[in-house]
Amino acid sequence: MAIKKRKETAMGVRKTVAKARSKRYSEKTTDAAAMKLCELPDVSPREFSPDVGPERASLIRNSDRKWANGTKLHYHFLTSPSSWVGSAADKRKARDGFRAWKNVGIGLEFKEVSSLDEAESLS
């Protein structure tokens, strides 16, 4: 159950990175703006042509947001505003978590990057 919860959390963060990339936050960012970084975007239900049967449509919907075996996810530690910067201990815990996910053997790789623009995940 813990693995499922971690996976759901990681996927939720991944979905919001595109939003975060388009915005630059300053030290004066409000708590409401901070929450936008962690919100899930509204996504319209996927629609299929009439020749796609209900079983196939269900399979597609259930797997279209999953990472494929061999996916390399890039993560970034925020450097501003200062209230968002994690401590060395926080960063170590996040790195340990990514290492644990890699060691599960589900085919995911994780790489820390120095730029938010390169990241699919924020820590």
PDB file of N, CA and C in Angstrom:
ATOM      1  N   MET A   1       0.818  -1.190   0.000  1.00  0.00           N
ATOM      2  CA  MET A   1       0.000   0.000   0.000  1.00  0.00           C
ATOM      3  C   MET A   1       0.866   1.261   0.000  1.00  0.00           C
ATOM      4  N   ALA A   2       1.997   1.237   0.734  1.00  0.00           N
ATOM      5  CA  ALA A   2       2.874   2.410   0.769  1.00  0.00           C
ATOM      6  C   ALA A   2       3.432   2.709  -0.604  1.00  0.00           C
ATOM      7  N   ILE A   3       3.767   1.662  -1.359  1.00  0.00           N
ATOM      8  CA  ILE A   3       4.297   1.870  -2.716  1.00  0.00           C
ATOM      9  C   ILE A   3       3.235   2.503  -3.592  1.00  0.00           C
ATOM     10  N   LYS A   4       1.986   2.037  -3.491  1.00  0.00           N
ATOM     11  CA  LYS A   4       0.914   2.612  -4.302  1.00  0.00           C
ATOM     12  C   LYS A   4       0.737   4.093  -3.969  1.00  0.00           C
ATOM     13  N   LYS A   5       0.755   4.420  -2.673  1.00  0.00           N
ATOM     14  CA  LYS A   5       0.583   5.816  -2.273  1.00  0.00           C
ATOM     15  C   LYS A   5       1.732   6.668  -2.789  1.00  0.00           C
ATOM     16  N   ARG A   6       2.975   6.168  -2.677  1.00  0.00           N
ATOM     17  CA  ARG A   6       4.120   6.920  -3.192  1.00  0.00           C
ATOM     18  C   ARG A   6       4.002   7.134  -4.692  1.00  0.00           C
ATOM     19  N   LYS A   7       3.547   6.099  -5.413  1.00  0.00           N
ATOM     20  CA  LYS A   7       3.421   6.206  -6.864  1.00  0.00           C
ATOM     21  C   LYS A   7       2.392   7.266  -7.223  1.00  0.00           C
ATOM     22  N   GLU A   8       1.242   7.254  -6.519  1.00  0.00           N
ATOM     23  CA  GLU A   8       0.202   8.246  -6.793  1.00  0.00           C
ATOM     24  C   GLU A   8       0.715   9.648  -6.516  1.00  0.00           C
ATOM     25  N   THR A   9       1.457   9.819  -5.442  1.00  0.00           N
ATOM     26  CA  THR A   9       2.011  11.134  -5.115  1.00  0.00           C
ATOM     27  C   THR A   9       2.993  11.582  -6.183  1.00  0.00           C
ATOM     28  N   ALA A  10       3.890  10.699  -6.589  1.00  0.00           N
ATOM     29  CA  ALA A  10       4.868  11.047  -7.618  1.00  0.00           C
ATOM     30  C   ALA A  10       4.185  11.421  -8.918  1.00  0.00           C
ATOM     31  N   MET A  11       3.142  10.676  -9.289  1.00  0.00           N
ATOM     32  CA  MET A  11       2.442  10.975 -10.537  1.00  0.00           C
ATOM     33  C   MET A  11       1.734  12.323 -10.443  1.00  0.00           C
ATOM     34  N   GLY A  12       1.173  12.638  -9.272  1.00  0.00           N
ATOM     35  CA  GLY A  12       0.503  13.920  -9.102  1.00  0.00           C
ATOM     36  C   GLY A  12       1.464  15.080  -9.270  1.00  0.00           C
ATOM     37  N   VAL A  13       2.663  14.942  -8.722  1.00  0.00           N
ATOM     38  CA  VAL A  13       3.673  15.992  -8.869  1.00  0.00           C
ATOM     39  C   VAL A  13       4.075  16.111 -10.318  1.00  0.00           C
ATOM     40  N   ARG A  14       4.268  14.992 -10.982  1.00  0.00           N
ATOM     41  CA  ARG A  14       4.698  15.006 -12.382  1.00  0.00           C
ATOM     42  C   ARG A  14       3.708  15.765 -13.257  1.00  0.00           C
ATOM     43  N   LYS A  15       2.419  15.585 -12.972  1.00  0.00           N
ATOM     44  CA  LYS A  15       1.391  16.204 -13.801  1.00  0.00           C
ATOM     45  C   LYS A  15       1.391  17.724 -13.706  1.00  0.00           C
ATOM     46  N   THR A  16       1.925  18.271 -12.613  1.00  0.00           N
ATOM     47  CA  THR A  16       1.873  19.719 -12.428  1.00  0.00           C
ATOM     48  C   THR A  16       3.121  20.446 -12.882  1.00  0.00           C
ATOM     49  N   VAL A  17       4.141  19.730 -13.273  1.00  0.00           N
ATOM     50  CA  VAL A  17       5.404  20.378 -13.623  1.00  0.00           C
ATOM     51  C   VAL A  17       5.256  21.293 -14.836  1.00  0.00           C
ATOM     52  N   ALA A  18       4.457  20.903 -15.793  1.00  0.00           N
ATOM     53  CA  ALA A  18       4.278  21.751 -16.976  1.00  0.00           C
ATOM     54  C   ALA A  18       3.766  23.128 -16.567  1.00  0.00           C
ATOM     55  N   LYS A  19       2.849  23.152 -15.605  1.00  0.00           N
ATOM     56  CA  LYS A  19       2.355  24.427 -15.096  1.00  0.00           C
ATOM     57  C   LYS A  19       3.474  25.216 -14.432  1.00  0.00           C
ATOM     58  N   ALA A  20       4.253  24.528 -13.628  1.00  0.00           N
ATOM     59  CA  ALA A  20       5.325  25.199 -12.889  1.00  0.00           C
ATOM     60  C   ALA A  20       6.385  25.751 -13.816  1.00  0.00           C
ATOM     61  N   ARG A  21       6.655  25.045 -14.905  1.00  0.00           N
ATOM     62  CA  ARG A  21       7.677  25.502 -15.844  1.00  0.00           C
ATOM     63  C   ARG A  21       7.327  26.843 -16.464  1.00  0.00           C
ATOM     64  N   SER A  22       6.050  27.096 -16.630  1.00  0.00           N
ATOM     65  CA  SER A  22       5.646  28.318 -17.308  1.00  0.00           C
ATOM     66  C   SER A  22       5.599  29.522 -16.373  1.00  0.00           C
ATOM     67  N   LYS A  23       5.821  29.295 -15.094  1.00  0.00           N
ATOM     68  CA  LYS A  23       5.758  30.381 -14.128  1.00  0.00           C
ATOM     69  C   LYS A  23       7.069  30.489 -13.371  1.00  0.00           C
ATOM     70  N   ARG A  24       7.424  31.677 -13.003  1.00  0.00           N
ATOM     71  CA  ARG A  24       8.587  31.910 -12.165  1.00  0.00           C
ATOM     72  C   ARG A  24       8.082  32.551 -10.873  1.00  0.00           C
ATOM     73  N   TYR A  25       8.440  31.959  -9.777  1.00  0.00           N
ATOM     74  CA  TYR A  25       7.963  32.441  -8.494  1.00  0.00           C
ATOM     75  C   TYR A  25       9.038  33.289  -7.822  1.00  0.00           C
ATOM     76  N   SER A  26       8.611  34.339  -7.148  1.00  0.00           N
ATOM     77  CA  SER A  26       9.542  35.213  -6.445  1.00  0.00           C
ATOM     78  C   SER A  26       9.404  34.989  -4.948  1.00  0.00           C
ATOM     79  N   GLU A  27      10.244  35.653  -4.198  1.00  0.00           N
ATOM     80  CA  GLU A  27      10.190  35.550  -2.741  1.00  0.00           C
ATOM     81  C   GLU A  27       8.837  36.014  -2.200  1.00  0.00           C
ATOM     82  N   LYS A  28       8.107  36.830  -2.943  1.00  0.00           N
ATOM     83  CA  LYS A  28       6.836  37.358  -2.481  1.00  0.00           C
ATOM     84  C   LYS A  28       5.655  36.472  -2.851  1.00  0.00           C
ATOM     85  N   THR A  29       5.922  35.258  -3.302  1.00  0.00           N
ATOM     86  CA  THR A  29       4.857  34.339  -3.699  1.00  0.00           C
ATOM     87  C   THR A  29       3.961  34.040  -2.502  1.00  0.00           C
ATOM     88  N   THR A  30       2.660  34.076  -2.737  1.00  0.00           N
ATOM     89  CA  THR A  30       1.714  33.809  -1.658  1.00  0.00           C
ATOM     90  C   THR A  30       1.520  32.306  -1.476  1.00  0.00           C
ATOM     91  N   ASP A  31       0.940  31.940  -0.343  1.00  0.00           N
ATOM     92  CA  ASP A  31       0.649  30.531  -0.097  1.00  0.00           C
ATOM     93  C   ASP A  31      -0.303  29.988  -1.158  1.00  0.00           C
ATOM     94  N   ALA A  32      -1.246  30.809  -1.623  1.00  0.00           N
ATOM     95  CA  ALA A  32      -2.178  30.358  -2.655  1.00  0.00           C
ATOM     96  C   ALA A  32      -1.426  30.014  -3.940  1.00  0.00           C
ATOM     97  N   ALA A  33      -0.455  30.826  -4.311  1.00  0.00           N
ATOM     98  CA  ALA A  33       0.343  30.543  -5.507  1.00  0.00           C
ATOM     99  C   ALA A  33       1.186  29.299  -5.291  1.00  0.00           C
ATOM    100  N   ALA A  34       1.677  29.119  -4.078  1.00  0.00           N
ATOM    101  CA  ALA A  34       2.474  27.925  -3.774  1.00  0.00           C
ATOM    102  C   ALA A  34       1.636  26.671  -3.973  1.00  0.00           C
ATOM    103  N   MET A  35       0.385  26.714  -3.588  1.00  0.00           N
ATOM    104  CA  MET A  35      -0.485  25.549  -3.741  1.00  0.00           C
ATOM    105  C   MET A  35      -0.677  25.199  -5.212  1.00  0.00           C
ATOM    106  N   LYS A  36      -0.653  26.170  -6.102  1.00  0.00           N
ATOM    107  CA  LYS A  36      -0.820  25.884  -7.522  1.00  0.00           C
ATOM    108  C   LYS A  36       0.280  24.972  -8.044  1.00  0.00           C
ATOM    109  N   LEU A  37       1.464  25.046  -7.460  1.00  0.00           N
ATOM    110  CA  LEU A  37       2.565  24.201  -7.874  1.00  0.00           C
ATOM    111  C   LEU A  37       2.271  22.730  -7.587  1.00  0.00           C
ATOM    112  N   CYS A  38       1.442  22.488  -6.588  1.00  0.00           N
ATOM    113  CA  CYS A  38       1.156  21.111  -6.175  1.00  0.00           C
ATOM    114  C   CYS A  38      -0.229  20.623  -6.590  1.00  0.00           C
ATOM    115  N   GLU A  39      -0.996  21.429  -7.269  1.00  0.00           N
ATOM    116  CA  GLU A  39      -2.336  21.030  -7.690  1.00  0.00           C
ATOM    117  C   GLU A  39      -2.288  20.159  -8.933  1.00  0.00           C
ATOM    118  N   LEU A  40      -3.294  19.317  -9.058  1.00  0.00           N
ATOM    119  CA  LEU A  40      -3.440  18.548 -10.277  1.00  0.00           C
ATOM    120  C   LEU A  40      -4.216  19.378 -11.293  1.00  0.00           C
ATOM    121  N   PRO A  41      -3.803  19.367 -12.532  1.00  0.00           N
ATOM    122  CA  PRO A  41      -4.535  20.132 -13.544  1.00  0.00           C
ATOM    123  C   PRO A  41      -5.864  19.460 -13.868  1.00  0.00           C
ATOM    124  N   ASP A  42      -6.822  20.252 -14.289  1.00  0.00           N
ATOM    125  CA  ASP A  42      -8.088  19.684 -14.759  1.00  0.00           C
ATOM    126  C   ASP A  42      -7.837  19.052 -16.118  1.00  0.00           C
ATOM    127  N   VAL A  43      -8.264  17.817 -16.253  1.00  0.00           N
ATOM    128  CA  VAL A  43      -8.062  17.095 -17.499  1.00  0.00           C
ATOM    129  C   VAL A  43      -9.414  16.604 -17.988  1.00  0.00           C
ATOM    130  N   SER A  44      -9.749  16.943 -19.207  1.00  0.00           N
ATOM    131  CA  SER A  44     -11.005  16.479 -19.786  1.00  0.00           C
ATOM    132  C   SER A  44     -10.942  14.983 -20.026  1.00  0.00           C
ATOM    133  N   PRO A  45     -12.054  14.290 -19.844  1.00  0.00           N
ATOM    134  CA  PRO A  45     -12.061  12.853 -20.124  1.00  0.00           C
ATOM    135  C   PRO A  45     -11.701  12.600 -21.585  1.00  0.00           C
ATOM    136  N   ARG A  46     -10.909  11.588 -21.799  1.00  0.00           N
ATOM    137  CA  ARG A  46     -10.489  11.243 -23.153  1.00  0.00           C
ATOM    138  C   ARG A  46     -11.672  10.663 -23.921  1.00  0.00           C
ATOM    139  N   GLU A  47     -11.807  11.091 -25.151  1.00  0.00           N
ATOM    140  CA  GLU A  47     -12.893  10.591 -25.996  1.00  0.00           C
ATOM    141  C   GLU A  47     -12.315   9.730 -27.108  1.00  0.00           C
ATOM    142  N   PHE A  48     -13.082   8.712 -27.504  1.00  0.00           N
ATOM    143  CA  PHE A  48     -12.635   7.773 -28.531  1.00  0.00           C
ATOM    144  C   PHE A  48     -13.641   7.725 -29.665  1.00  0.00           C
ATOM    145  N   SER A  49     -13.154   7.333 -30.821  1.00  0.00           N
ATOM    146  CA  SER A  49     -14.042   7.170 -31.972  1.00  0.00           C
ATOM    147  C   SER A  49     -14.945   5.955 -31.734  1.00  0.00           C
ATOM    148  N   PRO A  50     -16.044   5.873 -32.445  1.00  0.00           N
ATOM    149  CA  PRO A  50     -16.992   4.772 -32.241  1.00  0.00           C
ATOM    150  C   PRO A  50     -16.392   3.380 -32.497  1.00  0.00           C
ATOM    151  N   ASP A  51     -15.326   3.292 -33.283  1.00  0.00           N
ATOM    152  CA  ASP A  51     -14.753   1.974 -33.561  1.00  0.00           C
ATOM    153  C   ASP A  51     -13.876   1.438 -32.421  1.00  0.00           C
ATOM    154  N   VAL A  52     -13.661   2.237 -31.370  1.00  0.00           N
ATOM    155  CA  VAL A  52     -12.920   1.769 -30.196  1.00  0.00           C
ATOM    156  C   VAL A  52     -13.936   1.225 -29.195  1.00  0.00           C
ATOM    157  N   GLY A  53     -13.851  -0.079 -28.945  1.00  0.00           N
ATOM    158  CA  GLY A  53     -14.786  -0.736 -28.038  1.00  0.00           C
ATOM    159  C   GLY A  53     -14.575  -0.316 -26.592  1.00  0.00           C
ATOM    160  N   PRO A  54     -15.575  -0.595 -25.749  1.00  0.00           N
ATOM    161  CA  PRO A  54     -15.491  -0.168 -24.353  1.00  0.00           C
ATOM    162  C   PRO A  54     -14.337  -0.818 -23.583  1.00  0.00           C
ATOM    163  N   GLU A  55     -14.030  -2.083 -23.867  1.00  0.00           N
ATOM    164  CA  GLU A  55     -12.917  -2.743 -23.173  1.00  0.00           C
ATOM    165  C   GLU A  55     -11.583  -2.092 -23.546  1.00  0.00           C
ATOM    166  N   ARG A  56     -11.412  -1.840 -24.846  1.00  0.00           N
ATOM    167  CA  ARG A  56     -10.168  -1.203 -25.293  1.00  0.00           C
ATOM    168  C   ARG A  56     -10.050   0.211 -24.732  1.00  0.00           C
ATOM    169  N   ALA A  57     -11.145   0.953 -24.744  1.00  0.00           N
ATOM    170  CA  ALA A  57     -11.140   2.312 -24.207  1.00  0.00           C
ATOM    171  C   ALA A  57     -10.772   2.294 -22.722  1.00  0.00           C
ATOM    172  N   SER A  58     -11.292   1.337 -21.984  1.00  0.00           N
ATOM    173  CA  SER A  58     -10.975   1.213 -20.563  1.00  0.00           C
ATOM    174  C   SER A  58      -9.488   0.924 -20.355  1.00  0.00           C
ATOM    175  N   LEU A  59      -8.936   0.020 -21.154  1.00  0.00           N
ATOM    176  CA  LEU A  59      -7.509  -0.289 -21.047  1.00  0.00           C
ATOM    177  C   LEU A  59      -6.647   0.938 -21.348  1.00  0.00           C
ATOM    178  N   ILE A  60      -7.031   1.678 -22.364  1.00  0.00           N
ATOM    179  CA  ILE A  60      -6.275   2.882 -22.729  1.00  0.00           C
ATOM    180  C   ILE A  60      -6.347   3.911 -21.607  1.00  0.00           C
ATOM    181  N   ARG A  61      -7.537   4.135 -21.060  1.00  0.00           N
ATOM    182  CA  ARG A  61      -7.688   5.110 -19.980  1.00  0.00           C
ATOM    183  C   ARG A  61      -6.886   4.714 -18.745  1.00  0.00           C
ATOM    184  N   ASN A  62      -6.835   3.422 -18.463  1.00  0.00           N
ATOM    185  CA  ASN A  62      -6.125   2.957 -17.266  1.00  0.00           C
ATOM    186  C   ASN A  62      -4.612   2.986 -17.415  1.00  0.00           C
ATOM    187  N   SER A  63      -4.108   3.018 -18.638  1.00  0.00           N
ATOM    188  CA  SER A  63      -2.661   2.953 -18.807  1.00  0.00           C
ATOM    189  C   SER A  63      -2.047   4.199 -19.453  1.00  0.00           C
ATOM    190  N   ASP A  64      -2.849   5.154 -19.871  1.00  0.00           N
ATOM    191  CA  ASP A  64      -2.287   6.279 -20.626  1.00  0.00           C
ATOM    192  C   ASP A  64      -1.462   7.243 -19.784  1.00  0.00           C
ATOM    193  N   ARG A  65      -1.552   7.186 -18.469  1.00  0.00           N
ATOM    194  CA  ARG A  65      -0.760   8.084 -17.624  1.00  0.00           C
ATOM    195  C   ARG A  65       0.329   7.349 -16.844  1.00  0.00           C
ATOM    196  N   LYS A  66       0.603   6.139 -17.219  1.00  0.00           N
ATOM    197  CA  LYS A  66       1.636   5.360 -16.537  1.00  0.00           C
ATOM    198  C   LYS A  66       2.955   5.496 -17.268  1.00  0.00           C
ATOM    199  N   TRP A  67       4.022   5.427 -16.502  1.00  0.00           N
ATOM    200  CA  TRP A  67       5.345   5.514 -17.090  1.00  0.00           C
ATOM    201  C   TRP A  67       5.741   4.164 -17.660  1.00  0.00           C
ATOM    202  N   ALA A  68       6.329   4.178 -18.812  1.00  0.00           N
ATOM    203  CA  ALA A  68       6.778   2.945 -19.456  1.00  0.00           C
ATOM    204  C   ALA A  68       8.075   2.472 -18.825  1.00  0.00           C
ATOM    205  N   ASN A  69       8.313   1.171 -18.920  1.00  0.00           N
ATOM    206  CA  ASN A  69       9.557   0.591 -18.441  1.00  0.00           C
ATOM    207  C   ASN A  69      10.721   1.302 -19.130  1.00  0.00           C
ATOM    208  N   GLY A  70      11.721   1.702 -18.369  1.00  0.00           N
ATOM    209  CA  GLY A  70      12.868   2.397 -18.937  1.00  0.00           C
ATOM    210  C   GLY A  70      12.754   3.909 -18.911  1.00  0.00           C
ATOM    211  N   THR A  71      11.665   4.448 -18.363  1.00  0.00           N
ATOM    212  CA  THR A  71      11.496   5.892 -18.289  1.00  0.00           C
ATOM    213  C   THR A  71      12.496   6.497 -17.309  1.00  0.00           C
ATOM    214  N   LYS A  72      13.139   7.584 -17.709  1.00  0.00           N
ATOM    215  CA  LYS A  72      14.034   8.317 -16.811  1.00  0.00           C
ATOM    216  C   LYS A  72      13.327   9.608 -16.414  1.00  0.00           C
ATOM    217  N   LEU A  73      13.074   9.747 -15.125  1.00  0.00           N
ATOM    218  CA  LEU A  73      12.419  10.933 -14.599  1.00  0.00           C
ATOM    219  C   LEU A  73      13.464  11.865 -14.002  1.00  0.00           C
ATOM    220  N   HIS A  74      13.373  13.111 -14.368  1.00  0.00           N
ATOM    221  CA  HIS A  74      14.311  14.124 -13.888  1.00  0.00           C
ATOM    222  C   HIS A  74      13.639  14.919 -12.779  1.00  0.00           C
ATOM    223  N   TYR A  75      14.343  15.101 -11.666  1.00  0.00           N
ATOM    224  CA  TYR A  75      13.779  15.864 -10.559  1.00  0.00           C
ATOM    225  C   TYR A  75      14.691  17.029 -10.196  1.00  0.00           C
ATOM    226  N   HIS A  76      14.086  18.024  -9.549  1.00  0.00           N
ATOM    227  CA  HIS A  76      14.793  19.263  -9.239  1.00  0.00           C
ATOM    228  C   HIS A  76      14.396  19.732  -7.841  1.00  0.00           C
ATOM    229  N   PHE A  77      15.367  20.195  -7.078  1.00  0.00           N
ATOM    230  CA  PHE A  77      15.094  20.806  -5.786  1.00  0.00           C
ATOM    231  C   PHE A  77      14.960  22.310  -5.994  1.00  0.00           C
ATOM    232  N   LEU A  78      13.841  22.854  -5.575  1.00  0.00           N
ATOM    233  CA  LEU A  78      13.601  24.281  -5.752  1.00  0.00           C
ATOM    234  C   LEU A  78      14.631  25.101  -4.984  1.00  0.00           C
ATOM    235  N   THR A  79      15.032  26.220  -5.574  1.00  0.00           N
ATOM    236  CA  THR A  79      16.029  27.090  -4.956  1.00  0.00           C
ATOM    237  C   THR A  79      15.451  28.443  -4.532  1.00  0.00           C
ATOM    238  N   SER A  80      14.216  28.704  -4.892  1.00  0.00           N
ATOM    239  CA  SER A  80      13.541  29.921  -4.463  1.00  0.00           C
ATOM    240  C   SER A  80      12.040  29.719  -4.627  1.00  0.00           C
ATOM    241  N   PRO A  81      11.242  30.417  -3.882  1.00  0.00           N
ATOM    242  CA  PRO A  81      11.609  31.313  -2.799  1.00  0.00           C
ATOM    243  C   PRO A  81      12.207  30.525  -1.627  1.00  0.00           C
ATOM    244  N   SER A  82      12.848  31.220  -0.731  1.00  0.00           N
ATOM    245  CA  SER A  82      13.583  30.549   0.350  1.00  0.00           C
ATOM    246  C   SER A  82      12.684  29.663   1.202  1.00  0.00           C
ATOM    247  N   SER A  83      11.416  30.025   1.331  1.00  0.00           N
ATOM    248  CA  SER A  83      10.500  29.207   2.131  1.00  0.00           C
ATOM    249  C   SER A  83      10.231  27.842   1.486  1.00  0.00           C
ATOM    250  N   TRP A  84      10.579  27.678   0.214  1.00  0.00           N
ATOM    251  CA  TRP A  84      10.363  26.413  -0.489  1.00  0.00           C
ATOM    252  C   TRP A  84      11.626  25.565  -0.549  1.00  0.00           C
ATOM    253  N   VAL A  85      12.744  26.110  -0.135  1.00  0.00           N
ATOM    254  CA  VAL A  85      14.019  25.400  -0.236  1.00  0.00           C
ATOM    255  C   VAL A  85      14.112  24.370   0.882  1.00  0.00           C
ATOM    256  N   GLY A  86      14.346  23.125   0.496  1.00  0.00           N
ATOM    257  CA  GLY A  86      14.448  22.063   1.485  1.00  0.00           C
ATOM    258  C   GLY A  86      15.807  22.040   2.157  1.00  0.00           C
ATOM    259  N   SER A  87      15.826  21.493   3.353  1.00  0.00           N
ATOM    260  CA  SER A  87      17.083  21.348   4.082  1.00  0.00           C
ATOM    261  C   SER A  87      17.899  20.216   3.453  1.00  0.00           C
ATOM    262  N   ALA A  88      19.142  20.108   3.860  1.00  0.00           N
ATOM    263  CA  ALA A  88      19.991  19.009   3.372  1.00  0.00           C
ATOM    264  C   ALA A  88      19.373  17.672   3.745  1.00  0.00           C
ATOM    265  N   ALA A  89      18.773  17.589   4.942  1.00  0.00           N
ATOM    266  CA  ALA A  89      18.129  16.348   5.375  1.00  0.00           C
ATOM    267  C   ALA A  89      16.920  16.021   4.489  1.00  0.00           C
ATOM    268  N   ASP A  90      16.129  17.048   4.148  1.00  0.00           N
ATOM    269  CA  ASP A  90      14.979  16.838   3.265  1.00  0.00           C
ATOM    270  C   ASP A  90      15.433  16.309   1.912  1.00  0.00           C
ATOM    271  N   LYS A  91      16.470  16.919   1.368  1.00  0.00           N
ATOM    272  CA  LYS A  91      16.972  16.495   0.057  1.00  0.00           C
ATOM    273  C   LYS A  91      17.508  15.069   0.119  1.00  0.00           C
ATOM    274  N   ARG A  92      18.184  14.736   1.206  1.00  0.00           N
ATOM    275  CA  ARG A  92      18.696  13.372   1.369  1.00  0.00           C
ATOM    276  C   ARG A  92      17.544  12.364   1.411  1.00  0.00           C
ATOM    277  N   LYS A  93      16.469  12.721   2.125  1.00  0.00           N
ATOM    278  CA  LYS A  93      15.300  11.830   2.194  1.00  0.00           C
ATOM    279  C   LYS A  93      14.673  11.657   0.820  1.00  0.00           C
ATOM    280  N   ALA A  94      14.570  12.741   0.064  1.00  0.00           N
ATOM    281  CA  ALA A  94      13.999  12.649  -1.282  1.00  0.00           C
ATOM    282  C   ALA A  94      14.875  11.765  -2.167  1.00  0.00           C
ATOM    283  N   ARG A  95      16.184  11.974  -2.117  1.00  0.00           N
ATOM    284  CA  ARG A  95      17.104  11.139  -2.911  1.00  0.00           C
ATOM    285  C   ARG A  95      16.997   9.673  -2.500  1.00  0.00           C
ATOM    286  N   ASP A  96      16.893   9.426  -1.184  1.00  0.00           N
ATOM    287  CA  ASP A  96      16.722   8.052  -0.699  1.00  0.00           C
ATOM    288  C   ASP A  96      15.424   7.452  -1.233  1.00  0.00           C
ATOM    289  N   GLY A  97      14.375   8.269  -1.286  1.00  0.00           N
ATOM    290  CA  GLY A  97      13.096   7.797  -1.822  1.00  0.00           C
ATOM    291  C   GLY A  97      13.189   7.437  -3.298  1.00  0.00           C
ATOM    292  N   PHE A  98      13.844   8.295  -4.080  1.00  0.00           N
ATOM    293  CA  PHE A  98      14.020   7.986  -5.498  1.00  0.00           C
ATOM    294  C   PHE A  98      14.865   6.724  -5.681  1.00  0.00           C
ATOM    295  N   ARG A  99      15.878   6.578  -4.839  1.00  0.00           N
ATOM    296  CA  ARG A  99      16.727   5.379  -4.913  1.00  0.00           C
ATOM    297  C   ARG A  99      15.901   4.130  -4.566  1.00  0.00           C
ATOM    298  N   ALA A 100      15.027   4.245  -3.570  1.00  0.00           N
ATOM    299  CA  ALA A 100      14.163   3.117  -3.194  1.00  0.00           C
ATOM    300  C   ALA A 100      13.240   2.738  -4.351  1.00  0.00           C
ATOM    301  N   TRP A 101      12.670   3.744  -5.015  1.00  0.00           N
ATOM    302  CA  TRP A 101      11.810   3.459  -6.167  1.00  0.00           C
ATOM    303  C   TRP A 101      12.599   2.754  -7.267  1.00  0.00           C
ATOM    304  N   LYS A 102      13.802   3.212  -7.532  1.00  0.00           N
ATOM    305  CA  LYS A 102      14.628   2.568  -8.555  1.00  0.00           C
ATOM    306  C   LYS A 102      14.896   1.113  -8.187  1.00  0.00           C
ATOM    307  N   ASN A 103      15.167   0.879  -6.909  1.00  0.00           N
ATOM    308  CA  ASN A 103      15.497  -0.469  -6.452  1.00  0.00           C
ATOM    309  C   ASN A 103      14.302  -1.417  -6.432  1.00  0.00           C
ATOM    310  N   VAL A 104      13.095  -0.885  -6.572  1.00  0.00           N
ATOM    311  CA  VAL A 104      11.918  -1.754  -6.652  1.00  0.00           C
ATOM    312  C   VAL A 104      11.998  -2.615  -7.910  1.00  0.00           C
ATOM    313  N   GLY A 105      12.699  -2.103  -8.921  1.00  0.00           N
ATOM    314  CA  GLY A 105      12.893  -2.883 -10.140  1.00  0.00           C
ATOM    315  C   GLY A 105      11.750  -2.781 -11.134  1.00  0.00           C
ATOM    316  N   ILE A 106      11.059  -1.654 -11.150  1.00  0.00           N
ATOM    317  CA  ILE A 106       9.948  -1.496 -12.091  1.00  0.00           C
ATOM    318  C   ILE A 106      10.371  -0.760 -13.359  1.00  0.00           C
ATOM    319  N   GLY A 107      11.671  -0.541 -13.505  1.00  0.00           N
ATOM    320  CA  GLY A 107      12.179   0.033 -14.745  1.00  0.00           C
ATOM    321  C   GLY A 107      12.247   1.541 -14.791  1.00  0.00           C
ATOM    322  N   LEU A 108      12.084   2.209 -13.656  1.00  0.00           N
ATOM    323  CA  LEU A 108      12.183   3.665 -13.636  1.00  0.00           C
ATOM    324  C   LEU A 108      13.568   4.090 -13.195  1.00  0.00           C
ATOM    325  N   GLU A 109      14.066   5.149 -13.811  1.00  0.00           N
ATOM    326  CA  GLU A 109      15.352   5.755 -13.447  1.00  0.00           C
ATOM    327  C   GLU A 109      15.060   7.176 -12.978  1.00  0.00           C
ATOM    328  N   PHE A 110      15.885   7.688 -12.093  1.00  0.00           N
ATOM    329  CA  PHE A 110      15.715   9.041 -11.571  1.00  0.00           C
ATOM    330  C   PHE A 110      17.036   9.782 -11.667  1.00  0.00           C
ATOM    331  N   LYS A 111      16.966  11.031 -12.137  1.00  0.00           N
ATOM    332  CA  LYS A 111      18.174  11.838 -12.266  1.00  0.00           C
ATOM    333  C   LYS A 111      17.895  13.232 -11.731  1.00  0.00           C
ATOM    334  N   GLU A 112      18.751  13.692 -10.848  1.00  0.00           N
ATOM    335  CA  GLU A 112      18.635  15.043 -10.318  1.00  0.00           C
ATOM    336  C   GLU A 112      19.192  16.021 -11.344  1.00  0.00           C
ATOM    337  N   VAL A 113      18.457  17.094 -11.603  1.00  0.00           N
ATOM    338  CA  VAL A 113      18.896  18.116 -12.557  1.00  0.00           C
ATOM    339  C   VAL A 113      18.926  19.469 -11.857  1.00  0.00           C
ATOM    340  N   SER A 114      19.715  20.383 -12.395  1.00  0.00           N
ATOM    341  CA  SER A 114      19.892  21.679 -11.740  1.00  0.00           C
ATOM    342  C   SER A 114      18.884  22.729 -12.186  1.00  0.00           C
ATOM    343  N   SER A 115      18.096  22.438 -13.199  1.00  0.00           N
ATOM    344  CA  SER A 115      17.155  23.425 -13.719  1.00  0.00           C
ATOM    345  C   SER A 115      15.727  22.893 -13.675  1.00  0.00           C
ATOM    346  N   LEU A 116      14.811  23.741 -13.245  1.00  0.00           N
ATOM    347  CA  LEU A 116      13.394  23.384 -13.213  1.00  0.00           C
ATOM    348  C   LEU A 116      12.899  23.019 -14.618  1.00  0.00           C
ATOM    349  N   ASP A 117      13.437  23.682 -15.629  1.00  0.00           N
ATOM    350  CA  ASP A 117      13.007  23.427 -16.999  1.00  0.00           C
ATOM    351  C   ASP A 117      13.324  22.011 -17.469  1.00  0.00           C
ATOM    352  N   GLU A 118      14.280  21.356 -16.830  1.00  0.00           N
ATOM    353  CA  GLU A 118      14.661  19.996 -17.203  1.00  0.00           C
ATOM    354  C   GLU A 118      13.883  18.931 -16.439  1.00  0.00           C
ATOM    355  N   ALA A 119      13.140  19.335 -15.423  1.00  0.00           N
ATOM    356  CA  ALA A 119      12.536  18.381 -14.488  1.00  0.00           C
ATOM    357  C   ALA A 119      11.102  18.007 -14.846  1.00  0.00           C
ATOM    358  N   GLU A 120      10.785  16.738 -14.589  1.00  0.00           N
ATOM    359  CA  GLU A 120       9.396  16.292 -14.635  1.00  0.00           C
ATOM    360  C   GLU A 120       8.829  16.230 -13.225  1.00  0.00           C
ATOM    361  N   SER A 121       9.696  16.262 -12.218  1.00  0.00           N
ATOM    362  CA  SER A 121       9.285  16.110 -10.833  1.00  0.00           C
ATOM    363  C   SER A 121      10.016  17.131  -9.967  1.00  0.00           C
ATOM    364  N   LEU A 122       9.312  17.628  -8.975  1.00  0.00           N
ATOM    365  CA  LEU A 122       9.900  18.573  -8.029  1.00  0.00           C
ATOM    366  C   LEU A 122      10.029  17.905  -6.685  1.00  0.00           C
ATOM    367  N   SER A 123      11.070  18.218  -5.984  1.00  0.00           N
ATOM    368  CA  SER A 123      11.251  17.685  -4.626  1.00  0.00           C
ATOM    369  C   SER A 123      11.514  18.812  -3.663  1.00  0.00           C
TER     370      SER A 123
END
